[in-house]
Amino acid sequence: MTVLTKMESVPPLGTAVATAPRSLGALVRAYVALTKPRIIELLLITTLPVMFLAARGLPPLWTAIATMVFGTLSAGSANVLNCYIDRDIDKTMRRTRRRPLAKAEVSPAGALVFGVVLGVISTVGLGLAVNWLAAALSLGAILFYVLVYSMVLKRRTVQNIVWGGIAGCMPVLIGWAGITGSLSWAPVVLFGVVFFWTPPHTWTLAMRYREDYASVDVPMLPVVATERRVVREVIAYTWATVLCSLLLWPVAGTSLLYPAVAAVLGAACLWEVYRLLGRLNAGKTGVDLRPMRFFHWSNIYLALLFLAVAVDSLLV
């Protein structure tokens, strides 16, 4: 699922490509790495709190466990298939050249089969253990991330992460559907939060690794636009994120705790993005703009906002 990312460690230039793993344990670790566990963590952060909101308190234990387990497999499937599709450019980009396929630790055929199997297990598991609406949403997220984002949008349009990020918003709907068996406006609002949050989060990462994306002709916004335009877009989407987050209060009927926390977090997030603009106005460019500061803060913002959703649900 996508569009929600974390920075991976970057090998120094000139690092030799590793040989295939020589033990079963190394092979297992390579396959697990294909699922991008750190990205899955972010997706689960948005899934579980929504289940609290849908249940208006503690969700049924078995339903919550099943949704999280099979949701993890679903996200893993999408990430593995993304690695399979991007294996050619991953070998070139410094940020991704340590991925298992890029290092020849896993064969392309093995990765493809692994990704498909995870997708089948996650879809059937959600359908049987939770409900078929959650399963359909999960399958839709996989297909959208793989077929629409990875195969069509990513290498063709500057709007790649804007629309491709829809896949990363789906866990919100899946969590709600897992508890209620239906959808409503509350999860749609939180879907919107993640949707607006994804571009500034990803673009600030892409600002740091602009040369990586440029080297493989992936038209991320920082590759094709000036830094000033990128920062302006980041500011606009951050404002949209904060305003959308405040909509949950009247739509879901939360207590005053949630909007208070959302307002404070939103103000802090806007403070960080305007500091980015300030550094730009001061003549800072490239790494000196410190875009990764906002990237890391955006992770914290999303985690704390959804934690507030869960805590508030226990108080109402």
C-alpha atoms as a PDB file:
ATOM      1  CA  MET A   1       0.000   0.000   0.000  1.00  0.00           C
ATOM      2  CA  THR A   2       1.805   2.992  -0.558  1.00  0.00           C
ATOM      3  CA  VAL A   3       1.925   5.772  -0.315  1.00  0.00           C
ATOM      4  CA  LEU A   4       2.699   5.965   3.600  1.00  0.00           C
ATOM      5  CA  THR A   5       7.012   5.590   3.537  1.00  0.00           C
ATOM      6  CA  LYS A   6      10.020   5.593   6.019  1.00  0.00           C
ATOM      7  CA  MET A   7      13.648   6.363   5.196  1.00  0.00           C
ATOM      8  CA  GLU A   8      15.826   3.336   4.685  1.00  0.00           C
ATOM      9  CA  SER A   9      19.547   3.237   5.438  1.00  0.00           C
ATOM     10  CA  VAL A  10      21.715   4.257   2.518  1.00  0.00           C
ATOM     11  CA  PRO A  11      24.934   2.378   1.652  1.00  0.00           C
ATOM     12  CA  PRO A  12      27.995   4.378   0.781  1.00  0.00           C
ATOM     13  CA  LEU A  13      28.803   4.904  -2.852  1.00  0.00           C
ATOM     14  CA  GLY A  14      30.771   2.072  -4.351  1.00  0.00           C
ATOM     15  CA  THR A  15      29.301  -0.585  -2.077  1.00  0.00           C
ATOM     16  CA  ALA A  16      29.470  -3.940  -3.786  1.00  0.00           C
ATOM     17  CA  VAL A  17      26.274  -5.857  -4.454  1.00  0.00           C
ATOM     18  CA  ALA A  18      25.917  -8.669  -1.965  1.00  0.00           C
ATOM     19  CA  THR A  19      25.715 -12.308  -2.944  1.00  0.00           C
ATOM     20  CA  ALA A  20      22.644 -14.449  -2.412  1.00  0.00           C
ATOM     21  CA  PRO A  21      21.938 -15.527   1.177  1.00  0.00           C
ATOM     22  CA  ARG A  22      23.628 -18.750   2.213  1.00  0.00           C
ATOM     23  CA  SER A  23      21.349 -19.891   5.022  1.00  0.00           C
ATOM     24  CA  LEU A  24      17.658 -20.490   5.578  1.00  0.00           C
ATOM     25  CA  GLY A  25      17.567 -17.753   8.192  1.00  0.00           C
ATOM     26  CA  ALA A  26      19.090 -15.238   5.795  1.00  0.00           C
ATOM     27  CA  LEU A  27      16.595 -16.242   3.108  1.00  0.00           C
ATOM     28  CA  VAL A  28      13.676 -15.796   5.501  1.00  0.00           C
ATOM     29  CA  ARG A  29      14.960 -12.375   6.538  1.00  0.00           C
ATOM     30  CA  ALA A  30      15.264 -11.413   2.877  1.00  0.00           C
ATOM     31  CA  TYR A  31      11.653 -12.362   2.164  1.00  0.00           C
ATOM     32  CA  VAL A  32      10.477 -10.504   5.258  1.00  0.00           C
ATOM     33  CA  ALA A  33      12.444  -7.434   4.144  1.00  0.00           C
ATOM     34  CA  LEU A  34      10.578  -7.519   0.820  1.00  0.00           C
ATOM     35  CA  THR A  35       7.352  -6.751   2.707  1.00  0.00           C
ATOM     36  CA  LYS A  36       8.843  -3.436   3.973  1.00  0.00           C
ATOM     37  CA  PRO A  37       7.985  -3.913   7.676  1.00  0.00           C
ATOM     38  CA  ARG A  38       8.561  -0.251   8.556  1.00  0.00           C
ATOM     39  CA  ILE A  39       5.924   0.865   6.085  1.00  0.00           C
ATOM     40  CA  ILE A  40       3.533  -1.762   7.466  1.00  0.00           C
ATOM     41  CA  GLU A  41       4.014  -0.268  10.938  1.00  0.00           C
ATOM     42  CA  LEU A  42       2.668   3.061   9.710  1.00  0.00           C
ATOM     43  CA  LEU A  43      -0.300   1.376   8.058  1.00  0.00           C
ATOM     44  CA  LEU A  44      -1.207  -0.497  11.249  1.00  0.00           C
ATOM     45  CA  ILE A  45      -0.984   2.764  13.201  1.00  0.00           C
ATOM     46  CA  THR A  46      -3.947   4.011  11.167  1.00  0.00           C
ATOM     47  CA  THR A  47      -5.892   0.729  11.261  1.00  0.00           C
ATOM     48  CA  LEU A  48      -6.232  -0.109  14.943  1.00  0.00           C
ATOM     49  CA  PRO A  49      -7.360   3.324  16.235  1.00  0.00           C
ATOM     50  CA  VAL A  50     -10.148   3.397  13.659  1.00  0.00           C
ATOM     51  CA  MET A  51     -11.362   0.066  15.036  1.00  0.00           C
ATOM     52  CA  PHE A  52     -11.597   1.697  18.465  1.00  0.00           C
ATOM     53  CA  LEU A  53     -13.585   4.544  16.933  1.00  0.00           C
ATOM     54  CA  ALA A  54     -15.922   2.169  15.109  1.00  0.00           C
ATOM     55  CA  ALA A  55     -16.518   0.136  18.279  1.00  0.00           C
ATOM     56  CA  ARG A  56     -16.832   3.263  20.453  1.00  0.00           C
ATOM     57  CA  GLY A  57     -14.413   1.641  22.840  1.00  0.00           C
ATOM     58  CA  LEU A  58     -12.472  -1.603  22.855  1.00  0.00           C
ATOM     59  CA  PRO A  59     -13.095  -3.560  19.646  1.00  0.00           C
ATOM     60  CA  PRO A  60     -13.791  -7.314  19.815  1.00  0.00           C
ATOM     61  CA  LEU A  61     -10.416  -8.944  20.463  1.00  0.00           C
ATOM     62  CA  TRP A  62     -10.609 -11.662  17.802  1.00  0.00           C
ATOM     63  CA  THR A  63     -11.830  -9.264  15.123  1.00  0.00           C
ATOM     64  CA  ALA A  64      -9.079  -6.801  15.933  1.00  0.00           C
ATOM     65  CA  ILE A  65      -6.380  -9.487  15.869  1.00  0.00           C
ATOM     66  CA  ALA A  66      -7.636 -11.021  12.623  1.00  0.00           C
ATOM     67  CA  THR A  67      -7.898  -7.626  10.936  1.00  0.00           C
ATOM     68  CA  MET A  68      -4.394  -6.648  11.994  1.00  0.00           C
ATOM     69  CA  VAL A  69      -2.819  -9.999  11.048  1.00  0.00           C
ATOM     70  CA  PHE A  70      -4.425 -10.307   7.640  1.00  0.00           C
ATOM     71  CA  GLY A  71      -4.057  -6.577   7.072  1.00  0.00           C
ATOM     72  CA  THR A  72      -0.327  -7.005   7.662  1.00  0.00           C
ATOM     73  CA  LEU A  73      -0.225  -9.775   5.056  1.00  0.00           C
ATOM     74  CA  SER A  74      -2.191  -7.581   2.638  1.00  0.00           C
ATOM     75  CA  ALA A  75       0.218  -4.676   3.009  1.00  0.00           C
ATOM     76  CA  GLY A  76       3.119  -7.105   2.718  1.00  0.00           C
ATOM     77  CA  SER A  77       1.712  -8.461  -0.525  1.00  0.00           C
ATOM     78  CA  ALA A  78       1.442  -4.998  -2.066  1.00  0.00           C
ATOM     79  CA  ASN A  79       4.967  -4.085  -0.969  1.00  0.00           C
ATOM     80  CA  VAL A  80       6.503  -7.312  -2.268  1.00  0.00           C
ATOM     81  CA  LEU A  81       4.833  -6.882  -5.655  1.00  0.00           C
ATOM     82  CA  ASN A  82       6.000  -3.262  -5.723  1.00  0.00           C
ATOM     83  CA  CYS A  83       9.565  -4.465  -5.130  1.00  0.00           C
ATOM     84  CA  TYR A  84       9.148  -6.939  -7.986  1.00  0.00           C
ATOM     85  CA  ILE A  85       7.978  -4.219 -10.384  1.00  0.00           C
ATOM     86  CA  ASP A  86      10.625  -1.696  -9.282  1.00  0.00           C
ATOM     87  CA  ARG A  87      13.535  -4.132  -9.149  1.00  0.00           C
ATOM     88  CA  ASP A  88      15.193  -2.452 -12.139  1.00  0.00           C
ATOM     89  CA  ILE A  89      15.299   1.041 -10.638  1.00  0.00           C
ATOM     90  CA  ASP A  90      15.940  -0.207  -7.097  1.00  0.00           C
ATOM     91  CA  LYS A  91      19.348  -1.424  -8.259  1.00  0.00           C
ATOM     92  CA  THR A  92      20.269   2.116  -9.284  1.00  0.00           C
ATOM     93  CA  MET A  93      18.853   4.253  -6.473  1.00  0.00           C
ATOM     94  CA  ARG A  94      21.106   4.628  -3.426  1.00  0.00           C
ATOM     95  CA  ARG A  95      18.104   4.625  -1.120  1.00  0.00           C
ATOM     96  CA  THR A  96      16.863   1.252  -2.367  1.00  0.00           C
ATOM     97  CA  ARG A  97      19.881  -0.667  -3.620  1.00  0.00           C
ATOM     98  CA  ARG A  98      20.004  -2.706  -0.405  1.00  0.00           C
ATOM     99  CA  ARG A  99      16.587  -4.232  -0.985  1.00  0.00           C
ATOM    100  CA  PRO A 100      16.629  -8.058  -1.385  1.00  0.00           C
ATOM    101  CA  LEU A 101      15.853  -8.111  -5.100  1.00  0.00           C
ATOM    102  CA  ALA A 102      18.422  -5.441  -5.829  1.00  0.00           C
ATOM    103  CA  LYS A 103      21.041  -7.487  -3.955  1.00  0.00           C
ATOM    104  CA  ALA A 104      19.968 -10.757  -5.643  1.00  0.00           C
ATOM    105  CA  GLU A 105      19.074 -12.284  -2.276  1.00  0.00           C
ATOM    106  CA  VAL A 106      15.702 -13.356  -3.690  1.00  0.00           C
ATOM    107  CA  SER A 107      14.849 -14.354  -7.254  1.00  0.00           C
ATOM    108  CA  PRO A 108      12.253 -12.271  -9.166  1.00  0.00           C
ATOM    109  CA  ALA A 109      10.104 -15.358  -9.650  1.00  0.00           C
ATOM    110  CA  GLY A 110      10.270 -16.154  -5.947  1.00  0.00           C
ATOM    111  CA  ALA A 111       9.269 -12.605  -5.031  1.00  0.00           C
ATOM    112  CA  LEU A 112       6.354 -12.637  -7.473  1.00  0.00           C
ATOM    113  CA  VAL A 113       4.985 -15.919  -6.125  1.00  0.00           C
ATOM    114  CA  PHE A 114       5.487 -14.760  -2.539  1.00  0.00           C
ATOM    115  CA  GLY A 115       3.606 -11.518  -3.158  1.00  0.00           C
ATOM    116  CA  VAL A 116       0.681 -13.254  -4.862  1.00  0.00           C
ATOM    117  CA  VAL A 117       0.424 -15.909  -2.148  1.00  0.00           C
ATOM    118  CA  LEU A 118       0.375 -13.251   0.584  1.00  0.00           C
ATOM    119  CA  GLY A 119      -2.393 -11.429  -1.295  1.00  0.00           C
ATOM    120  CA  VAL A 120      -4.531 -14.549  -1.617  1.00  0.00           C
ATOM    121  CA  ILE A 121      -4.073 -15.529   2.038  1.00  0.00           C
ATOM    122  CA  SER A 122      -4.848 -12.015   3.265  1.00  0.00           C
ATOM    123  CA  THR A 123      -7.984 -11.655   1.149  1.00  0.00           C
ATOM    124  CA  VAL A 124      -9.425 -15.065   1.978  1.00  0.00           C
ATOM    125  CA  GLY A 125      -8.422 -14.722   5.633  1.00  0.00           C
ATOM    126  CA  LEU A 126     -10.130 -11.348   6.019  1.00  0.00           C
ATOM    127  CA  GLY A 127     -13.231 -12.649   4.262  1.00  0.00           C
ATOM    128  CA  LEU A 128     -13.565 -15.739   6.459  1.00  0.00           C
ATOM    129  CA  ALA A 129     -12.347 -14.330   9.789  1.00  0.00           C
ATOM    130  CA  VAL A 130     -13.678 -10.766   9.570  1.00  0.00           C
ATOM    131  CA  ASN A 131     -16.078  -9.966   6.709  1.00  0.00           C
ATOM    132  CA  TRP A 132     -16.053  -9.790   2.935  1.00  0.00           C
ATOM    133  CA  LEU A 133     -16.320  -6.008   2.761  1.00  0.00           C
ATOM    134  CA  ALA A 134     -13.001  -5.698   4.595  1.00  0.00           C
ATOM    135  CA  ALA A 135     -11.581  -8.380   2.295  1.00  0.00           C
ATOM    136  CA  ALA A 136     -12.764  -6.554  -0.837  1.00  0.00           C
ATOM    137  CA  LEU A 137     -11.277  -3.263   0.365  1.00  0.00           C
ATOM    138  CA  SER A 138      -8.006  -5.013   1.131  1.00  0.00           C
ATOM    139  CA  LEU A 139      -7.847  -6.629  -2.293  1.00  0.00           C
ATOM    140  CA  GLY A 140      -8.716  -3.303  -3.897  1.00  0.00           C
ATOM    141  CA  ALA A 141      -5.813  -1.656  -2.054  1.00  0.00           C
ATOM    142  CA  ILE A 142      -3.363  -4.279  -3.303  1.00  0.00           C
ATOM    143  CA  LEU A 143      -4.546  -4.020  -6.898  1.00  0.00           C
ATOM    144  CA  PHE A 144      -4.552  -0.215  -6.837  1.00  0.00           C
ATOM    145  CA  TYR A 145      -1.038   0.004  -5.416  1.00  0.00           C
ATOM    146  CA  VAL A 146       0.384  -2.555  -7.805  1.00  0.00           C
ATOM    147  CA  LEU A 147      -1.519  -1.955 -11.041  1.00  0.00           C
ATOM    148  CA  VAL A 148      -2.361   1.747 -10.841  1.00  0.00           C
ATOM    149  CA  TYR A 149       0.468   3.288  -8.811  1.00  0.00           C
ATOM    150  CA  SER A 150       3.452   0.998  -9.392  1.00  0.00           C
ATOM    151  CA  MET A 151       2.794   0.101 -13.028  1.00  0.00           C
ATOM    152  CA  VAL A 152       1.134   3.259 -14.375  1.00  0.00           C
ATOM    153  CA  LEU A 153       1.422   6.406 -12.250  1.00  0.00           C
ATOM    154  CA  LYS A 154       4.836   6.216 -10.615  1.00  0.00           C
ATOM    155  CA  ARG A 155       6.972   6.572 -13.742  1.00  0.00           C
ATOM    156  CA  ARG A 156       4.578   8.643 -15.833  1.00  0.00           C
ATOM    157  CA  THR A 157       3.159  11.589 -13.894  1.00  0.00           C
ATOM    158  CA  VAL A 158       4.165  14.147 -11.314  1.00  0.00           C
ATOM    159  CA  GLN A 159       0.853  13.379  -9.607  1.00  0.00           C
ATOM    160  CA  ASN A 160       2.021   9.821  -8.937  1.00  0.00           C
ATOM    161  CA  ILE A 161       2.082   9.990  -5.155  1.00  0.00           C
ATOM    162  CA  VAL A 162      -1.059  12.136  -4.916  1.00  0.00           C
ATOM    163  CA  TRP A 163      -3.333   9.530  -6.470  1.00  0.00           C
ATOM    164  CA  GLY A 164      -1.132   6.548  -5.748  1.00  0.00           C
ATOM    165  CA  GLY A 165      -1.408   7.405  -2.074  1.00  0.00           C
ATOM    166  CA  ILE A 166      -5.023   6.239  -2.126  1.00  0.00           C
ATOM    167  CA  ALA A 167      -3.777   2.709  -1.489  1.00  0.00           C
ATOM    168  CA  GLY A 168      -2.151   3.862   1.746  1.00  0.00           C
ATOM    169  CA  CYS A 169      -5.459   5.357   2.895  1.00  0.00           C
ATOM    170  CA  MET A 170      -7.361   2.074   2.600  1.00  0.00           C
ATOM    171  CA  PRO A 171      -6.393   0.620   6.027  1.00  0.00           C
ATOM    172  CA  VAL A 172      -8.640   3.272   7.580  1.00  0.00           C
ATOM    173  CA  LEU A 173     -11.644   1.948   5.670  1.00  0.00           C
ATOM    174  CA  ILE A 174     -10.624  -1.673   6.251  1.00  0.00           C
ATOM    175  CA  GLY A 175     -10.418  -1.154  10.015  1.00  0.00           C
ATOM    176  CA  TRP A 176     -13.856   0.456  10.141  1.00  0.00           C
ATOM    177  CA  ALA A 177     -15.415  -2.180   7.876  1.00  0.00           C
ATOM    178  CA  GLY A 178     -13.848  -4.915   9.989  1.00  0.00           C
ATOM    179  CA  ILE A 179     -15.853  -3.774  13.020  1.00  0.00           C
ATOM    180  CA  THR A 180     -19.095  -2.522  11.489  1.00  0.00           C
ATOM    181  CA  GLY A 181     -19.365  -4.425   8.217  1.00  0.00           C
ATOM    182  CA  SER A 182     -20.169  -1.104   6.527  1.00  0.00           C
ATOM    183  CA  LEU A 183     -18.722   2.345   5.822  1.00  0.00           C
ATOM    184  CA  SER A 184     -19.705   5.827   7.018  1.00  0.00           C
ATOM    185  CA  TRP A 185     -18.462   9.413   6.968  1.00  0.00           C
ATOM    186  CA  ALA A 186     -16.129   9.089   9.958  1.00  0.00           C
ATOM    187  CA  PRO A 187     -13.659   6.735   8.235  1.00  0.00           C
ATOM    188  CA  VAL A 188     -13.980   8.802   5.057  1.00  0.00           C
ATOM    189  CA  VAL A 189     -12.736  11.846   6.989  1.00  0.00           C
ATOM    190  CA  LEU A 190      -9.751   9.898   8.298  1.00  0.00           C
ATOM    191  CA  PHE A 191      -9.183   8.550   4.795  1.00  0.00           C
ATOM    192  CA  GLY A 192      -8.954  12.200   3.749  1.00  0.00           C
ATOM    193  CA  VAL A 193      -6.427  12.933   6.494  1.00  0.00           C
ATOM    194  CA  VAL A 194      -4.083  10.224   5.242  1.00  0.00           C
ATOM    195  CA  PHE A 195      -4.730  11.235   1.626  1.00  0.00           C
ATOM    196  CA  PHE A 196      -3.674  14.847   2.210  1.00  0.00           C
ATOM    197  CA  TRP A 197      -0.844  13.812   4.556  1.00  0.00           C
ATOM    198  CA  THR A 198       0.846  11.499   2.035  1.00  0.00           C
ATOM    199  CA  PRO A 199       2.121  14.007  -0.593  1.00  0.00           C
ATOM    200  CA  PRO A 200       3.996  16.367   1.776  1.00  0.00           C
ATOM    201  CA  HIS A 201       5.369  13.389   3.671  1.00  0.00           C
ATOM    202  CA  THR A 202       6.673  11.791   0.470  1.00  0.00           C
ATOM    203  CA  TRP A 203       7.779  14.979  -1.273  1.00  0.00           C
ATOM    204  CA  THR A 204      10.043  16.005   1.588  1.00  0.00           C
ATOM    205  CA  LEU A 205      11.690  12.578   1.418  1.00  0.00           C
ATOM    206  CA  ALA A 206      12.011  13.013  -2.359  1.00  0.00           C
ATOM    207  CA  MET A 207      13.609  16.442  -1.829  1.00  0.00           C
ATOM    208  CA  ARG A 208      16.362  14.738   0.137  1.00  0.00           C
ATOM    209  CA  TYR A 209      16.820  12.024  -2.488  1.00  0.00           C
ATOM    210  CA  ARG A 210      16.051  14.056  -5.576  1.00  0.00           C
ATOM    211  CA  GLU A 211      19.090  12.741  -7.464  1.00  0.00           C
ATOM    212  CA  ASP A 212      17.956   9.176  -6.836  1.00  0.00           C
ATOM    213  CA  TYR A 213      14.599   9.720  -8.508  1.00  0.00           C
ATOM    214  CA  ALA A 214      16.099  11.815 -11.296  1.00  0.00           C
ATOM    215  CA  SER A 215      18.629   9.088 -12.113  1.00  0.00           C
ATOM    216  CA  VAL A 216      15.836   6.616 -12.900  1.00  0.00           C
ATOM    217  CA  ASP A 217      13.461   9.123 -14.550  1.00  0.00           C
ATOM    218  CA  VAL A 218      10.756   8.910 -11.873  1.00  0.00           C
ATOM    219  CA  PRO A 219       8.964  12.292 -12.083  1.00  0.00           C
ATOM    220  CA  MET A 220       8.515  13.000  -8.405  1.00  0.00           C
ATOM    221  CA  LEU A 221       7.581  16.645  -7.851  1.00  0.00           C
ATOM    222  CA  PRO A 222      11.014  17.659  -6.494  1.00  0.00           C
ATOM    223  CA  VAL A 223      12.588  16.265  -9.675  1.00  0.00           C
ATOM    224  CA  VAL A 224      10.513  18.317 -12.122  1.00  0.00           C
ATOM    225  CA  ALA A 225       9.694  21.458 -10.094  1.00  0.00           C
ATOM    226  CA  THR A 226      11.622  24.159  -8.250  1.00  0.00           C
ATOM    227  CA  GLU A 227      12.170  23.843  -4.526  1.00  0.00           C
ATOM    228  CA  ARG A 228       9.921  26.849  -3.979  1.00  0.00           C
ATOM    229  CA  ARG A 229       7.021  25.189  -5.775  1.00  0.00           C
ATOM    230  CA  VAL A 230       7.559  21.972  -3.831  1.00  0.00           C
ATOM    231  CA  VAL A 231       7.529  23.823  -0.518  1.00  0.00           C
ATOM    232  CA  ARG A 232       4.358  25.682  -1.501  1.00  0.00           C
ATOM    233  CA  GLU A 233       2.682  22.394  -2.391  1.00  0.00           C
ATOM    234  CA  VAL A 234       3.819  20.898   0.913  1.00  0.00           C
ATOM    235  CA  ILE A 235       2.307  23.856   2.778  1.00  0.00           C
ATOM    236  CA  ALA A 236      -0.999  23.581   0.900  1.00  0.00           C
ATOM    237  CA  TYR A 237      -1.361  19.854   1.543  1.00  0.00           C
ATOM    238  CA  THR A 238      -0.367  20.263   5.189  1.00  0.00           C
ATOM    239  CA  TRP A 239      -3.111  22.848   5.683  1.00  0.00           C
ATOM    240  CA  ALA A 240      -5.574  20.442   4.033  1.00  0.00           C
ATOM    241  CA  THR A 241      -4.413  17.660   6.360  1.00  0.00           C
ATOM    242  CA  VAL A 242      -4.906  19.731   9.495  1.00  0.00           C
ATOM    243  CA  LEU A 243      -8.315  21.083   8.473  1.00  0.00           C
ATOM    244  CA  CYS A 244      -9.523  17.636   7.466  1.00  0.00           C
ATOM    245  CA  SER A 245      -8.385  16.204  10.803  1.00  0.00           C
ATOM    246  CA  LEU A 246     -10.582  18.717  12.652  1.00  0.00           C
ATOM    247  CA  LEU A 247     -13.651  17.572  10.692  1.00  0.00           C
ATOM    248  CA  LEU A 248     -13.696  14.324  12.634  1.00  0.00           C
ATOM    249  CA  TRP A 249     -14.951  16.145  15.748  1.00  0.00           C
ATOM    250  CA  PRO A 250     -18.401  17.070  14.372  1.00  0.00           C
ATOM    251  CA  VAL A 251     -18.666  14.090  12.019  1.00  0.00           C
ATOM    252  CA  ALA A 252     -17.835  11.365  14.557  1.00  0.00           C
ATOM    253  CA  GLY A 253     -19.071  13.161  17.665  1.00  0.00           C
ATOM    254  CA  THR A 254     -15.798  12.860  19.544  1.00  0.00           C
ATOM    255  CA  SER A 255     -15.152  14.396  22.941  1.00  0.00           C
ATOM    256  CA  LEU A 256     -13.218  17.646  23.236  1.00  0.00           C
ATOM    257  CA  LEU A 257      -9.994  15.694  23.736  1.00  0.00           C
ATOM    258  CA  TYR A 258      -9.620  14.782  20.087  1.00  0.00           C
ATOM    259  CA  PRO A 259     -10.030  18.263  18.532  1.00  0.00           C
ATOM    260  CA  ALA A 260      -7.746  19.748  21.213  1.00  0.00           C
ATOM    261  CA  VAL A 261      -4.996  17.245  20.415  1.00  0.00           C
ATOM    262  CA  ALA A 262      -5.595  17.570  16.661  1.00  0.00           C
ATOM    263  CA  ALA A 263      -5.319  21.358  16.882  1.00  0.00           C
ATOM    264  CA  VAL A 264      -2.061  21.245  18.859  1.00  0.00           C
ATOM    265  CA  LEU A 265      -0.521  18.633  16.554  1.00  0.00           C
ATOM    266  CA  GLY A 266      -1.712  20.544  13.513  1.00  0.00           C
ATOM    267  CA  ALA A 267      -0.208  23.784  14.784  1.00  0.00           C
ATOM    268  CA  ALA A 268       3.112  22.044  15.404  1.00  0.00           C
ATOM    269  CA  CYS A 269       3.051  20.507  11.930  1.00  0.00           C
ATOM    270  CA  LEU A 270       2.331  23.882  10.320  1.00  0.00           C
ATOM    271  CA  TRP A 271       5.106  25.446  12.376  1.00  0.00           C
ATOM    272  CA  GLU A 272       7.543  22.909  10.949  1.00  0.00           C
ATOM    273  CA  VAL A 273       6.435  23.407   7.364  1.00  0.00           C
ATOM    274  CA  TYR A 274       6.694  27.192   7.642  1.00  0.00           C
ATOM    275  CA  ARG A 275      10.187  26.786   9.113  1.00  0.00           C
ATOM    276  CA  LEU A 276      10.982  24.933   5.891  1.00  0.00           C
ATOM    277  CA  LEU A 277       9.723  27.944   3.937  1.00  0.00           C
ATOM    278  CA  GLY A 278      11.762  30.245   6.157  1.00  0.00           C
ATOM    279  CA  ARG A 279      14.958  28.354   5.412  1.00  0.00           C
ATOM    280  CA  LEU A 280      14.152  28.560   1.700  1.00  0.00           C
ATOM    281  CA  ASN A 281      13.615  32.329   1.945  1.00  0.00           C
ATOM    282  CA  ALA A 282      16.931  32.583   3.760  1.00  0.00           C
ATOM    283  CA  GLY A 283      18.671  31.130   0.727  1.00  0.00           C
ATOM    284  CA  LYS A 284      19.045  27.562   1.948  1.00  0.00           C
ATOM    285  CA  THR A 285      18.824  24.884  -0.730  1.00  0.00           C
ATOM    286  CA  GLY A 286      19.210  21.132  -1.081  1.00  0.00           C
ATOM    287  CA  VAL A 287      20.220  19.324   2.103  1.00  0.00           C
ATOM    288  CA  ASP A 288      20.528  22.682   3.910  1.00  0.00           C
ATOM    289  CA  LEU A 289      16.744  23.038   3.636  1.00  0.00           C
ATOM    290  CA  ARG A 290      16.508  20.096   6.046  1.00  0.00           C
ATOM    291  CA  PRO A 291      13.401  18.562   4.437  1.00  0.00           C
ATOM    292  CA  MET A 292      13.919  15.354   6.411  1.00  0.00           C
ATOM    293  CA  ARG A 293      13.075  17.258   9.585  1.00  0.00           C
ATOM    294  CA  PHE A 294       9.528  17.696   8.325  1.00  0.00           C
ATOM    295  CA  PHE A 295       9.473  14.126   6.975  1.00  0.00           C
ATOM    296  CA  HIS A 296      10.249  12.669  10.402  1.00  0.00           C
ATOM    297  CA  TRP A 297       7.865  15.049  12.142  1.00  0.00           C
ATOM    298  CA  SER A 298       5.043  14.020   9.801  1.00  0.00           C
ATOM    299  CA  ASN A 299       5.451  10.422  10.966  1.00  0.00           C
ATOM    300  CA  ILE A 300       5.114  11.536  14.577  1.00  0.00           C
ATOM    301  CA  TYR A 301       2.121  13.718  13.704  1.00  0.00           C
ATOM    302  CA  LEU A 302       0.188  10.873  12.104  1.00  0.00           C
ATOM    303  CA  ALA A 303       0.963   8.405  14.889  1.00  0.00           C
ATOM    304  CA  LEU A 304      -0.100  10.799  17.663  1.00  0.00           C
ATOM    305  CA  LEU A 305      -3.217  11.932  15.812  1.00  0.00           C
ATOM    306  CA  PHE A 306      -4.484   8.377  15.428  1.00  0.00           C
ATOM    307  CA  LEU A 307      -3.509   7.590  19.017  1.00  0.00           C
ATOM    308  CA  ALA A 308      -5.780  10.480  19.990  1.00  0.00           C
ATOM    309  CA  VAL A 309      -8.576   8.863  17.971  1.00  0.00           C
ATOM    310  CA  ALA A 310      -8.195   5.631  19.970  1.00  0.00           C
ATOM    311  CA  VAL A 311      -7.934   7.297  23.382  1.00  0.00           C
ATOM    312  CA  ASP A 312     -10.884   9.576  22.687  1.00  0.00           C
ATOM    313  CA  SER A 313     -12.987   6.555  21.714  1.00  0.00           C
ATOM    314  CA  LEU A 314     -12.408   5.086  25.147  1.00  0.00           C
ATOM    315  CA  LEU A 315     -13.644   8.263  26.812  1.00  0.00           C
ATOM    316  CA  VAL A 316     -16.858   8.944  24.877  1.00  0.00           C
END
